């Protein structure tokens, strides 16, 4: 059915960034254009028989998507060959083959034509496509207004309209609401039972294990292993854990003084969150690129265990009790871990959630994770489905677009609060996943770059990073009615708490309010509230100003 024979793919990449056609022509004529070859795939060979369901796994940049595009005929390999027998329905990228300015209805015919369906055939099957996608009320809407889940519904409905000989799926089965997930999974099983050959790329090892009979493992463009699902997945996970351990060991070898270089593990550098989940405490040590955990707050940081030391500026951790989600802010992704006794096993990476995810929270009532991507203002909703976390919705809300950076979200009294910067405090309805705008609160100039908000007792507590000019001007304030912020009728409690760094995030457990301090001074403190009076201020961990070793560790990210 499919034979991949010694396929290699090289891309020529210019050393200099070319910003215009004129610049390209001038440098081309002058002979000043220099290129480097980037090898995406090298001598890749394997075969797939009719009716097989084959998973392709590997880390980011392994060459998975490039390989699928070559098999689909979108790219021509630099060398080698691919033999394919049968029709292919590729679902490679969300929105591929769509025109964002056209309506959903128009895109049915455009995308169907790309997949090789005739206009008459599409007319005959149009109602079936629409009904399966459940987008009857939106077919006359330009799809630029669609959420990622709605685009996925339409793409999946068209691609699986008939039984293709070969279905190629790159990640997008992880997008969509839960009901459609079940529906599409059923459709996938129907295709598989009908003899359709399926090639599936996924970061979810559990999904690969449940669906695939064979797995190809790619690493940096090379085939590491081809074989039965169980064997390849186990080898991949073992390799991943060893690679992370190797990176962690390598990252602390600064200079020749190895003992000195490990000192960063004994302190914190910009702890962005402390949280208690179950009977254990977790600290997100952002600029040390790690999350650590312990059963008490008395042991020194050097005694805490590491959940992961290989994260890109993580900011929060959240859990439903069985799965633990941490955002990799630098990687624009969410990492999923499952606990196995006293070890945390990475099981999944969730991508396509916007730029710089900065906060994830879990709502027990809705049984969903809610996240905000600070740079792109995307809201993403995640839910556990079986053994996996699936993406239910990724949406960019119009009323957030005027804000340049949104660091936090918080559920307060059944409503979702956005702490924007520079901007306003915005409140939305999240209960029905509509995220409809409810109201906004103006904030004064000196509070515009906010970090976090929490309500405890009669007061809202707010941390601030920057003023309206973008100058670093740390503050922590509290106020009973957010409407009074515009008139500066707030109470500054920074001196009362003895703040030394930038006050960042709040949490509440063990009957106390916890506060992290970051940036120029790293510290975790807590206090009690008795009838709204701040009492019993305690310093739990005081790492002070960052030293050279911590700064070097930060640069390793």
Protein backbone atom coordinates (compact mmCIF):
# COMPACT_ATOMS: atom_id res chain seq x y z
CA UNK A 1 0.00 0.00 0.00
CA UNK A 2 2.75 2.50 1.01
CA UNK A 3 6.49 2.05 0.58
CA UNK A 4 8.95 4.70 1.75
CA UNK A 5 12.39 4.03 0.26
CA UNK A 6 15.45 5.91 1.57
CA UNK A 7 13.63 9.24 1.66
CA UNK A 8 15.68 12.32 2.53
CA UNK A 9 14.48 15.91 2.66
CA UNK A 10 16.71 18.97 2.76
CA UNK A 11 15.60 22.57 2.98
CA UNK A 12 17.83 25.48 1.99
CA UNK A 13 17.73 28.18 4.63
CA UNK A 14 19.21 31.63 4.07
CA UNK A 15 21.75 32.76 6.65
CA UNK A 16 20.44 36.31 6.48
CA UNK A 17 16.86 37.37 6.98
CA UNK A 18 15.45 38.77 3.72
CA UNK A 19 12.77 41.38 4.36
CA UNK A 20 11.85 42.33 0.78
CA UNK A 21 12.03 41.18 -2.84
CA UNK A 22 14.35 44.10 -3.60
CA UNK A 23 16.81 42.98 -0.94
CA UNK A 24 16.70 39.43 -2.31
CA UNK A 25 17.41 40.57 -5.89
CA UNK A 26 20.27 42.86 -4.83
CA UNK A 27 21.95 40.17 -2.74
CA UNK A 28 21.36 37.57 -5.44
CA UNK A 29 23.00 39.73 -8.13
CA UNK A 30 25.89 40.59 -5.80
CA UNK A 31 26.39 36.92 -4.97
CA UNK A 32 25.95 37.61 -1.26
CA UNK A 33 23.17 35.13 -0.61
CA UNK A 34 24.40 32.33 1.62
CA UNK A 35 22.44 29.23 2.51
CA UNK A 36 22.62 26.40 5.00
CA UNK A 37 21.07 23.00 4.41
CA UNK A 38 18.59 21.85 7.04
CA UNK A 39 18.10 18.09 6.95
CA UNK A 40 14.50 17.31 7.94
CA UNK A 41 14.60 13.60 6.98
CA UNK A 42 17.52 11.31 6.24
CA UNK A 43 17.28 7.88 4.59
CA UNK A 44 13.85 7.05 5.99
CA UNK A 45 12.50 3.65 4.97
CA UNK A 46 9.49 1.58 6.03
CA UNK A 47 6.37 0.04 4.54
CA UNK A 48 2.68 0.03 5.47
CA UNK A 49 0.30 -2.70 4.41
CA UNK A 50 -3.35 -2.22 3.44
CA UNK A 51 -5.61 -1.80 6.46
CA UNK A 52 -2.82 -1.10 8.96
CA UNK A 53 -3.16 1.72 11.48
CA UNK A 54 0.31 3.15 11.92
CA UNK A 55 1.37 5.76 14.44
CA UNK A 56 4.30 8.12 13.94
CA UNK A 57 5.87 9.45 17.13
CA UNK A 58 8.80 11.69 18.01
CA UNK A 59 9.62 14.97 19.65
CA UNK A 60 9.04 18.39 18.09
CA UNK A 61 11.24 18.79 15.01
CA UNK A 62 11.62 15.04 14.48
CA UNK A 63 10.30 15.28 10.91
CA UNK A 64 6.84 13.79 11.42
CA UNK A 65 4.84 16.46 9.58
CA UNK A 66 7.40 16.65 6.77
CA UNK A 67 7.12 12.90 6.27
CA UNK A 68 3.32 13.06 6.09
CA UNK A 69 3.48 15.83 3.49
CA UNK A 70 5.83 13.74 1.36
CA UNK A 71 3.56 10.69 1.59
CA UNK A 72 0.57 12.93 0.71
CA UNK A 73 2.38 14.29 -2.36
CA UNK A 74 2.51 17.85 -1.07
CA UNK A 75 6.31 17.81 -0.90
CA UNK A 76 8.78 16.07 -3.21
CA UNK A 77 11.69 14.46 -1.38
CA UNK A 78 15.24 15.57 -2.12
CA UNK A 79 16.16 11.93 -2.65
CA UNK A 80 14.47 8.56 -2.34
CA UNK A 81 10.96 7.62 -3.36
CA UNK A 82 7.48 6.96 -2.01
CA UNK A 83 5.10 4.47 -3.61
CA UNK A 84 1.43 4.88 -2.74
CA UNK A 85 -1.45 2.73 -3.97
CA UNK A 86 -4.90 4.22 -3.50
CA UNK A 87 -6.58 7.52 -2.79
CA UNK A 88 -5.34 9.70 0.08
CA UNK A 89 -7.37 11.96 2.36
CA UNK A 90 -4.82 14.07 4.27
CA UNK A 91 -5.75 16.00 7.42
CA UNK A 92 -2.40 17.61 7.99
CA UNK A 93 -2.99 21.05 9.43
CA UNK A 94 -6.02 22.70 10.91
CA UNK A 95 -7.53 24.80 8.13
CA UNK A 96 -5.27 23.44 5.36
CA UNK A 97 -7.15 23.61 2.08
CA UNK A 98 -9.53 26.26 3.43
CA UNK A 99 -9.88 29.94 2.56
CA UNK A 100 -10.51 31.83 5.79
CA UNK A 101 -12.42 34.59 3.99
CA UNK A 102 -14.93 32.18 2.44
CA UNK A 103 -18.00 30.83 4.20
CA UNK A 104 -18.14 27.31 5.56
CA UNK A 105 -20.44 26.33 2.71
CA UNK A 106 -18.04 27.65 0.07
CA UNK A 107 -15.16 25.90 1.79
CA UNK A 108 -16.94 22.55 1.55
CA UNK A 109 -16.60 22.76 -2.23
CA UNK A 110 -13.10 24.27 -2.13
CA UNK A 111 -11.69 21.72 0.28
CA UNK A 112 -13.58 18.89 -1.36
CA UNK A 113 -12.06 19.84 -4.71
CA UNK A 114 -8.59 19.82 -3.12
CA UNK A 115 -9.28 16.28 -1.92
CA UNK A 116 -10.34 15.24 -5.42
CA UNK A 117 -14.14 15.19 -5.09
CA UNK A 118 -16.22 16.43 -8.02
CA UNK A 119 -18.65 19.32 -7.59
CA UNK A 120 -21.63 17.09 -8.36
CA UNK A 121 -20.51 14.53 -5.81
CA UNK A 122 -20.14 17.27 -3.18
CA UNK A 123 -23.61 18.61 -3.97
CA UNK A 124 -25.06 15.14 -3.45
CA UNK A 125 -23.24 14.66 -0.14
CA UNK A 126 -23.47 18.26 1.10
CA UNK A 127 -26.23 17.62 3.67
CA UNK A 128 -24.35 14.63 5.03
CA UNK A 129 -21.22 16.74 5.53
CA UNK A 130 -23.14 19.52 7.26
CA UNK A 131 -25.07 17.17 9.52
CA UNK A 132 -21.97 15.29 10.58
CA UNK A 133 -20.11 18.53 11.35
CA UNK A 134 -23.10 19.84 13.38
CA UNK A 135 -22.52 23.31 11.89
CA UNK A 136 -25.93 23.80 10.33
CA UNK A 137 -26.34 27.29 11.81
CA UNK A 138 -22.91 28.51 10.70
CA UNK A 139 -22.57 27.43 7.08
CA UNK A 140 -23.00 30.99 5.79
CA UNK A 141 -20.38 32.36 8.20
CA UNK A 142 -16.79 33.07 7.08
CA UNK A 143 -14.61 30.51 8.80
CA UNK A 144 -12.20 33.19 10.04
CA UNK A 145 -14.83 33.58 12.77
CA UNK A 146 -14.73 29.86 13.62
CA UNK A 147 -12.99 28.39 16.63
CA UNK A 148 -10.33 25.76 16.00
CA UNK A 149 -12.82 23.07 17.05
CA UNK A 150 -15.37 24.20 14.46
CA UNK A 151 -12.74 24.19 11.70
CA UNK A 152 -11.71 20.69 12.74
CA UNK A 153 -15.31 19.50 12.56
CA UNK A 154 -15.66 20.77 9.01
CA UNK A 155 -12.30 19.39 7.89
CA UNK A 156 -12.95 15.96 9.41
CA UNK A 157 -16.46 15.78 7.95
CA UNK A 158 -15.19 16.47 4.43
CA UNK A 159 -12.09 14.25 4.63
CA UNK A 160 -14.03 11.22 5.87
CA UNK A 161 -16.99 11.74 3.56
CA UNK A 162 -16.18 8.55 1.70
CA UNK A 163 -13.97 5.65 2.67
CA UNK A 164 -10.55 6.77 1.39
CA UNK A 165 -7.93 4.12 0.83
CA UNK A 166 -5.53 6.06 3.05
CA UNK A 167 -6.35 8.57 5.78
CA UNK A 168 -3.50 10.70 7.11
CA UNK A 169 -4.11 12.55 10.38
CA UNK A 170 -1.64 14.99 11.93
CA UNK A 171 -2.65 15.78 15.53
CA UNK A 172 -6.00 17.39 14.82
CA UNK A 173 -8.02 14.59 16.44
CA UNK A 174 -7.07 16.29 19.72
CA UNK A 175 -9.19 19.32 18.83
CA UNK A 176 -12.93 19.56 19.32
CA UNK A 177 -15.57 19.15 21.99
CA UNK A 178 -16.07 15.88 23.80
CA UNK A 179 -19.20 14.77 21.93
CA UNK A 180 -17.53 15.32 18.58
CA UNK A 181 -14.43 13.50 19.86
CA UNK A 182 -16.61 10.43 20.45
CA UNK A 183 -18.30 10.85 17.11
CA UNK A 184 -15.05 11.20 15.19
CA UNK A 185 -13.49 8.27 17.08
CA UNK A 186 -16.45 6.13 16.04
CA UNK A 187 -16.01 7.28 12.45
CA UNK A 188 -12.32 6.42 12.63
CA UNK A 189 -13.14 2.93 13.85
CA UNK A 190 -15.59 2.52 10.99
CA UNK A 191 -12.90 3.51 8.50
CA UNK A 192 -10.39 1.13 10.08
CA UNK A 193 -12.83 -1.77 10.14
CA UNK A 194 -13.63 -1.04 6.50
CA UNK A 195 -10.01 -1.57 5.49
CA UNK A 196 -8.84 2.04 5.35
CA UNK A 197 -5.13 2.46 5.99
CA UNK A 198 -4.55 5.13 8.65
CA UNK A 199 -1.36 7.06 9.44
CA UNK A 200 -1.66 8.95 12.71
CA UNK A 201 0.74 11.50 14.20
CA UNK A 202 0.13 12.27 17.86
CA UNK A 203 2.02 13.45 20.93
CA UNK A 204 -0.37 11.34 23.00
CA UNK A 205 1.26 7.98 23.59
CA UNK A 206 -1.98 6.68 25.13
CA UNK A 207 -3.85 7.56 21.92
CA UNK A 208 -1.20 5.83 19.81
CA UNK A 209 -1.39 2.74 22.01
CA UNK A 210 -5.18 2.55 21.81
CA UNK A 211 -5.49 3.03 18.04
CA UNK A 212 -2.34 1.78 16.31
CA UNK A 213 -1.07 -1.70 15.48
CA UNK A 214 2.34 -0.48 14.37
CA UNK A 215 4.53 2.54 15.21
CA UNK A 216 7.35 4.43 13.49
CA UNK A 217 9.59 6.43 15.83
CA UNK A 218 11.45 9.38 14.29
CA UNK A 219 14.21 11.37 15.95
CA UNK A 220 15.91 14.34 14.24
CA UNK A 221 14.88 13.04 10.83
CA UNK A 222 16.07 9.48 11.35
CA UNK A 223 14.10 6.30 11.96
CA UNK A 224 14.93 5.06 15.44
CA UNK A 225 12.57 2.10 15.50
CA UNK A 226 9.73 0.47 13.58
CA UNK A 227 7.65 -2.27 15.12
CA UNK A 228 4.75 -3.29 17.31
CA UNK A 229 3.05 -0.50 19.23
CA UNK A 230 3.86 -1.76 22.72
CA UNK A 231 7.57 -2.22 22.05
CA UNK A 232 8.15 1.07 20.23
CA UNK A 233 6.14 3.20 22.68
CA UNK A 234 7.95 1.73 25.68
CA UNK A 235 11.34 2.33 24.05
CA UNK A 236 10.37 5.90 23.15
CA UNK A 237 9.21 6.76 26.67
CA UNK A 238 12.35 5.23 28.16
CA UNK A 239 14.51 7.22 25.74
CA UNK A 240 12.60 10.44 26.48
CA UNK A 241 13.12 10.10 30.22
CA UNK A 242 16.83 9.35 29.72
CA UNK A 243 17.19 12.32 27.35
CA UNK A 244 15.56 14.68 29.84
CA UNK A 245 17.86 13.38 32.58
CA UNK A 246 20.87 13.88 30.31
CA UNK A 247 19.81 17.44 29.46
CA UNK A 248 19.30 18.24 33.09
CA UNK A 249 22.74 16.91 34.01
CA UNK A 250 24.34 18.76 31.12
CA UNK A 251 22.59 22.02 31.93
CA UNK A 252 24.13 22.25 35.37
CA UNK A 253 27.71 21.77 34.20
CA UNK A 254 28.66 25.45 34.18
CA UNK A 255 32.41 25.83 34.01
CA UNK A 256 34.58 23.31 35.80
CA UNK A 257 33.13 23.66 39.29
CA UNK A 258 30.39 21.01 39.21
CA UNK A 259 29.59 21.30 42.92
CA UNK A 260 29.04 25.03 42.62
CA UNK A 261 26.98 24.61 39.45
CA UNK A 262 24.44 22.42 41.27
CA UNK A 263 23.71 25.11 43.85
CA UNK A 264 20.75 26.36 41.82
CA UNK A 265 18.82 23.25 42.88
CA UNK A 266 18.97 24.44 46.48
CA UNK A 267 17.08 27.69 45.88
CA UNK A 268 14.31 29.29 43.84
CA UNK A 269 14.47 31.77 40.97
CA UNK A 270 11.14 33.47 40.26
CA UNK A 271 8.69 30.97 41.78
CA UNK A 272 5.50 31.77 39.90
CA UNK A 273 3.17 29.49 41.89
CA UNK A 274 2.95 27.43 45.04
CA UNK A 275 -0.01 25.06 45.26
CA UNK A 276 -1.20 22.16 47.38
CA UNK A 277 -2.72 19.20 45.57
CA UNK A 278 -3.75 16.25 47.65
CA UNK A 279 -1.29 15.98 50.52
CA UNK A 280 1.68 17.42 48.64
CA UNK A 281 2.98 20.89 47.90
CA UNK A 282 4.15 21.93 44.43
CA UNK A 283 6.31 24.93 43.49
CA UNK A 284 6.67 26.16 39.93
CA UNK A 285 10.28 27.42 39.83
CA UNK A 286 9.90 29.35 36.58
CA UNK A 287 13.37 30.62 35.72
CA UNK A 288 14.96 27.38 36.85
CA UNK A 289 12.66 25.68 34.30
CA UNK A 290 11.28 23.14 36.73
CA UNK A 291 8.42 22.04 38.99
CA UNK A 292 9.28 20.53 42.38
CA UNK A 293 7.16 18.85 45.05
CA UNK A 294 7.35 17.81 48.70
CA UNK A 295 5.12 16.59 51.54
CA UNK A 296 5.84 19.58 53.81
CA UNK A 297 6.96 23.21 53.80
CA UNK A 298 9.71 22.75 56.38
CA UNK A 299 12.30 20.87 54.30
CA UNK A 300 14.82 23.05 52.44
CA UNK A 301 14.33 23.41 48.70
CA UNK A 302 17.31 21.14 48.03
CA UNK A 303 15.35 18.24 49.57
CA UNK A 304 12.31 18.67 47.32
CA UNK A 305 11.80 16.19 44.48
CA UNK A 306 11.65 17.22 40.85
CA UNK A 307 8.55 16.55 38.78
CA UNK A 308 10.39 17.87 35.71
CA UNK A 309 13.57 19.90 35.23
CA UNK A 310 13.08 20.37 31.50
CA UNK A 311 10.32 22.95 31.10
CA UNK A 312 10.46 26.26 29.26
CA UNK A 313 9.58 28.98 31.80
CA UNK A 314 6.60 27.15 33.36
CA UNK A 315 4.18 29.37 35.28
CA UNK A 316 1.50 27.13 36.79
CA UNK A 317 0.56 23.54 37.52
CA UNK A 318 -3.00 22.24 37.71
CA UNK A 319 -4.52 18.81 38.30
CA UNK A 320 -7.80 16.94 38.28
CA UNK A 321 -6.37 14.46 40.77
CA UNK A 322 -4.94 11.99 38.26
CA UNK A 323 -3.33 14.07 35.52
CA UNK A 324 -1.04 17.06 36.08
CA UNK A 325 -0.85 19.85 33.51
CA UNK A 326 2.02 22.33 33.27
CA UNK A 327 2.38 24.96 30.59
CA UNK A 328 5.69 25.19 28.73
CA UNK A 329 5.50 28.90 28.04
CA UNK A 330 8.57 29.07 25.79
CA UNK A 331 7.39 26.07 23.77
CA UNK A 332 3.79 27.31 23.36
CA UNK A 333 2.49 24.00 24.66
CA UNK A 334 1.06 22.20 27.66
CA UNK A 335 2.80 19.15 29.12
CA UNK A 336 0.68 16.37 30.65
CA UNK A 337 2.03 14.06 33.36
CA UNK A 338 0.52 11.00 35.01
CA UNK A 339 1.60 9.91 38.46
CA UNK A 340 3.01 6.43 38.88
CA UNK A 341 3.75 5.83 42.57
CA UNK A 342 6.38 8.46 43.38
CA UNK A 343 7.26 9.21 39.76
CA UNK A 344 5.61 11.53 37.25
CA UNK A 345 5.47 10.11 33.71
CA UNK A 346 5.13 12.48 30.71
CA UNK A 347 2.26 11.20 28.58
CA UNK A 348 1.17 13.98 26.26
CA UNK A 349 2.05 17.35 24.73
CA UNK A 350 -0.78 19.68 23.74
CA UNK A 351 0.00 22.26 21.07
CA UNK A 352 -1.92 24.85 19.00
CA UNK A 353 -3.21 26.73 22.03
CA UNK A 354 -1.79 30.16 21.22
CA UNK A 355 1.40 31.99 22.08
CA UNK A 356 2.97 31.89 25.55
CA UNK A 357 0.43 29.94 27.65
CA UNK A 358 0.71 31.50 31.08
CA UNK A 359 -1.99 30.13 33.36
CA UNK A 360 -4.01 26.92 33.70
CA UNK A 361 -6.76 26.37 36.26
CA UNK A 362 -9.03 23.41 36.92
CA UNK A 363 -12.74 23.74 37.70
CA UNK A 364 -14.10 20.75 39.62
CA UNK A 365 -17.72 21.55 38.80
CA UNK A 366 -17.21 21.70 35.04
CA UNK A 367 -14.45 19.03 35.08
CA UNK A 368 -12.38 21.14 32.71
CA UNK A 369 -9.06 22.90 32.56
CA UNK A 370 -9.13 26.54 31.46
CA UNK A 371 -6.02 28.27 30.18
CA UNK A 372 -4.88 31.63 28.83
CA UNK A 373 -2.10 32.24 26.31
CA UNK A 374 -0.74 35.59 27.39
CA UNK A 375 0.74 36.88 24.14
CA UNK A 376 -2.00 35.89 21.68
CA UNK A 377 -4.97 36.17 24.09
CA UNK A 378 -6.25 32.70 23.20
CA UNK A 379 -8.50 30.94 25.69
CA UNK A 380 -8.20 27.17 25.61
CA UNK A 381 -10.43 24.57 27.25
CA UNK A 382 -9.10 21.08 27.96
CA UNK A 383 -10.91 18.03 29.26
CA UNK A 384 -10.02 14.49 30.23
CA UNK A 385 -11.39 11.92 27.82
CA UNK A 386 -10.45 8.36 28.70
CA UNK A 387 -6.74 8.39 29.42
CA UNK A 388 -6.10 11.55 27.41
CA UNK A 389 -6.51 15.27 27.73
CA UNK A 390 -8.39 16.58 24.68
CA UNK A 391 -8.70 20.14 23.43
CA UNK A 392 -12.35 21.14 23.58
CA UNK A 393 -11.99 24.72 22.44
CA UNK A 394 -9.37 27.27 21.43
CA UNK A 395 -10.79 30.71 20.85
CA UNK A 396 -9.64 34.30 20.65
CA UNK A 397 -12.19 36.63 22.21
CA UNK A 398 -12.81 39.98 20.56
CA UNK A 399 -13.06 41.92 23.81
CA UNK A 400 -9.52 40.82 24.78
CA UNK A 401 -7.78 41.91 21.60
CA UNK A 402 -6.90 45.40 22.85
CA UNK A 403 -4.79 43.91 25.62
CA UNK A 404 -1.14 43.21 24.92
CA UNK A 405 -0.50 40.61 27.63
CA UNK A 406 -2.88 38.65 29.85
CA UNK A 407 -1.03 36.92 32.66
CA UNK A 408 -3.82 35.30 34.63
CA UNK A 409 -7.37 34.03 34.81
CA UNK A 410 -9.29 33.19 37.96
CA UNK A 411 -12.73 31.78 38.72
CA UNK A 412 -14.40 33.97 41.35
CA UNK A 413 -18.04 33.57 42.45
CA UNK A 414 -18.89 31.50 39.36
CA UNK A 415 -17.40 33.96 36.85
CA UNK A 416 -14.12 34.03 34.95
CA UNK A 417 -11.85 36.99 35.64
CA UNK A 418 -9.14 38.07 33.18
CA UNK A 419 -6.28 40.09 34.60
CA UNK A 420 -4.96 41.99 31.61
CA UNK A 421 -1.99 44.18 31.15
CA UNK A 422 -1.96 46.87 30.26
CA UNK A 423 -5.73 47.06 30.38
CA UNK A 424 -8.70 46.25 32.55
CA UNK A 425 -10.08 43.53 34.74
CA UNK A 426 -12.56 41.73 32.50
CA UNK A 427 -15.28 39.34 33.67
CA UNK A 428 -16.85 36.69 31.42
CA UNK A 429 -19.37 33.86 31.57
CA UNK A 430 -17.52 30.55 31.34
CA UNK A 431 -20.25 28.21 32.61
CA UNK A 432 -21.67 27.45 29.15
CA UNK A 433 -18.28 27.81 27.40
CA UNK A 434 -19.55 30.87 25.55
CA UNK A 435 -17.17 33.24 27.36
CA UNK A 436 -19.69 36.02 26.79
CA UNK A 437 -18.54 39.39 28.08
CA UNK A 438 -20.23 40.43 31.34
CA UNK A 439 -18.43 43.57 32.54
CA UNK A 440 -15.08 45.31 32.86
CA UNK A 441 -13.39 47.34 35.56
CA UNK A 442 -11.11 50.26 34.79
CA UNK A 443 -7.82 50.36 36.65
CA UNK A 444 -5.60 53.38 37.39
CA UNK A 445 -2.33 54.04 35.60
CA UNK A 446 -0.13 52.61 38.35
CA UNK A 447 -1.96 49.24 38.36
CA UNK A 448 -2.28 48.57 34.65
CA UNK A 449 0.30 45.79 34.38
CA UNK A 450 -1.40 43.29 36.68
CA UNK A 451 -0.23 39.77 37.51
CA UNK A 452 -3.00 38.03 39.46
CA UNK A 453 -6.23 38.47 41.36
CA UNK A 454 -7.91 36.50 44.15
CA UNK A 455 -10.87 37.09 46.44
CA UNK A 456 -10.55 36.10 50.09
CA UNK A 457 -13.05 37.25 52.69
CA UNK A 458 -14.45 40.69 51.80
CA UNK A 459 -11.50 41.78 49.66
CA UNK A 460 -10.07 41.32 46.20
CA UNK A 461 -6.26 41.08 46.30
CA UNK A 462 -4.31 42.17 43.20
CA UNK A 463 -0.61 41.91 42.35
CA UNK A 464 1.01 44.36 39.91
CA UNK A 465 4.18 44.12 37.81
CA UNK A 466 4.22 47.32 35.76
CA UNK A 467 2.59 50.71 35.47
CA UNK A 468 0.94 52.09 32.34
CA UNK A 469 4.30 53.05 30.77
CA UNK A 470 5.63 49.53 31.13
CA UNK A 471 8.03 50.49 33.92
CA UNK A 472 8.56 47.81 36.56
CA UNK A 473 6.63 49.18 39.53
CA UNK A 474 5.64 46.29 41.84
CA UNK A 475 2.55 46.63 44.01
CA UNK A 476 0.13 44.48 45.96
CA UNK A 477 -3.23 46.05 46.77
CA UNK A 478 -6.63 45.05 48.04
CA UNK A 479 -10.08 46.50 47.58
CA UNK A 480 -13.65 45.53 48.47
CA UNK A 481 -15.39 46.82 45.34
CA UNK A 482 -13.55 46.69 42.03
CA UNK A 483 -15.57 49.65 40.79
CA UNK A 484 -13.57 51.83 43.17
CA UNK A 485 -10.28 51.01 41.44
CA UNK A 486 -10.85 53.73 38.86
CA UNK A 487 -10.88 56.29 41.70
CA UNK A 488 -7.73 54.81 43.27
CA UNK A 489 -9.69 53.85 46.39
CA UNK A 490 -7.55 50.81 47.12
CA UNK A 491 -5.32 49.80 50.02
CA UNK A 492 -1.62 49.27 49.29
CA UNK A 493 -0.45 46.41 51.52
CA UNK A 494 3.08 46.01 50.14
CA UNK A 495 4.75 47.55 53.19
CA UNK A 496 2.60 45.50 55.57
CA UNK A 497 3.83 42.32 53.91
CA UNK A 498 7.41 43.50 53.55
CA UNK A 499 7.49 42.83 49.82
CA UNK A 500 11.02 42.56 48.41
CA UNK A 501 10.52 41.30 44.86
CA UNK A 502 7.68 41.50 42.35
CA UNK A 503 4.51 40.06 43.93
CA UNK A 504 3.18 37.53 41.46
CA UNK A 505 0.57 34.86 42.16
CA UNK A 506 -1.83 33.96 44.96
CA UNK A 507 -3.03 30.62 46.23
CA UNK A 508 -5.12 29.61 49.22
CA UNK A 509 -4.69 26.39 51.20
CA UNK A 510 -4.13 25.26 54.78
CA UNK A 511 -6.26 28.23 55.86
CA UNK A 512 -3.63 30.71 54.59
CA UNK A 513 -3.06 33.03 51.63
CA UNK A 514 0.22 32.25 49.88
CA UNK A 515 2.07 34.76 47.72
CA UNK A 516 5.10 34.26 45.46
CA UNK A 517 7.67 36.97 44.73
CA UNK A 518 9.72 36.88 41.53
CA UNK A 519 12.23 38.64 39.32
CA UNK A 520 14.81 40.64 41.32
CA UNK A 521 14.04 38.79 44.56
CA UNK A 522 12.65 35.27 44.92
CA UNK A 523 10.53 34.45 47.94
CA UNK A 524 7.36 32.67 49.12
CA UNK A 525 5.37 34.08 52.01
CA UNK A 526 1.94 33.46 53.53
CA UNK A 527 -0.46 35.14 55.91
CA UNK A 528 -3.75 34.53 57.67
CA UNK A 529 -6.87 36.65 57.47
CA UNK A 530 -8.99 37.06 60.59
CA UNK A 531 -12.02 39.19 59.86
CA UNK A 532 -10.07 40.63 56.91
CA UNK A 533 -7.15 41.60 59.14
CA UNK A 534 -3.73 40.42 57.91
CA UNK A 535 -2.00 38.42 60.66
CA UNK A 536 0.71 35.81 61.20
CA UNK A 537 2.91 36.67 58.22
CA UNK A 538 5.36 33.83 57.57
CA UNK A 539 8.32 33.55 55.21
CA UNK A 540 8.57 29.99 53.90
CA UNK A 541 11.38 30.22 51.38
CA UNK A 542 13.65 33.21 50.86
CA UNK A 543 16.17 32.72 48.05
CA UNK A 544 16.95 36.40 47.75
CA UNK A 545 18.55 37.95 44.70
CA UNK A 546 19.63 35.55 41.94
CA UNK A 547 23.28 34.53 41.85
CA UNK A 548 25.41 33.76 38.80
CA UNK A 549 24.58 30.04 38.84
CA UNK A 550 20.82 30.70 38.79
CA UNK A 551 21.20 33.25 36.01
CA UNK A 552 23.19 30.72 33.99
CA UNK A 553 20.52 28.10 34.61
CA UNK A 554 17.85 30.50 33.38
CA UNK A 555 19.79 31.06 30.15
CA UNK A 556 19.81 27.32 29.53
CA UNK A 557 16.09 27.56 28.76
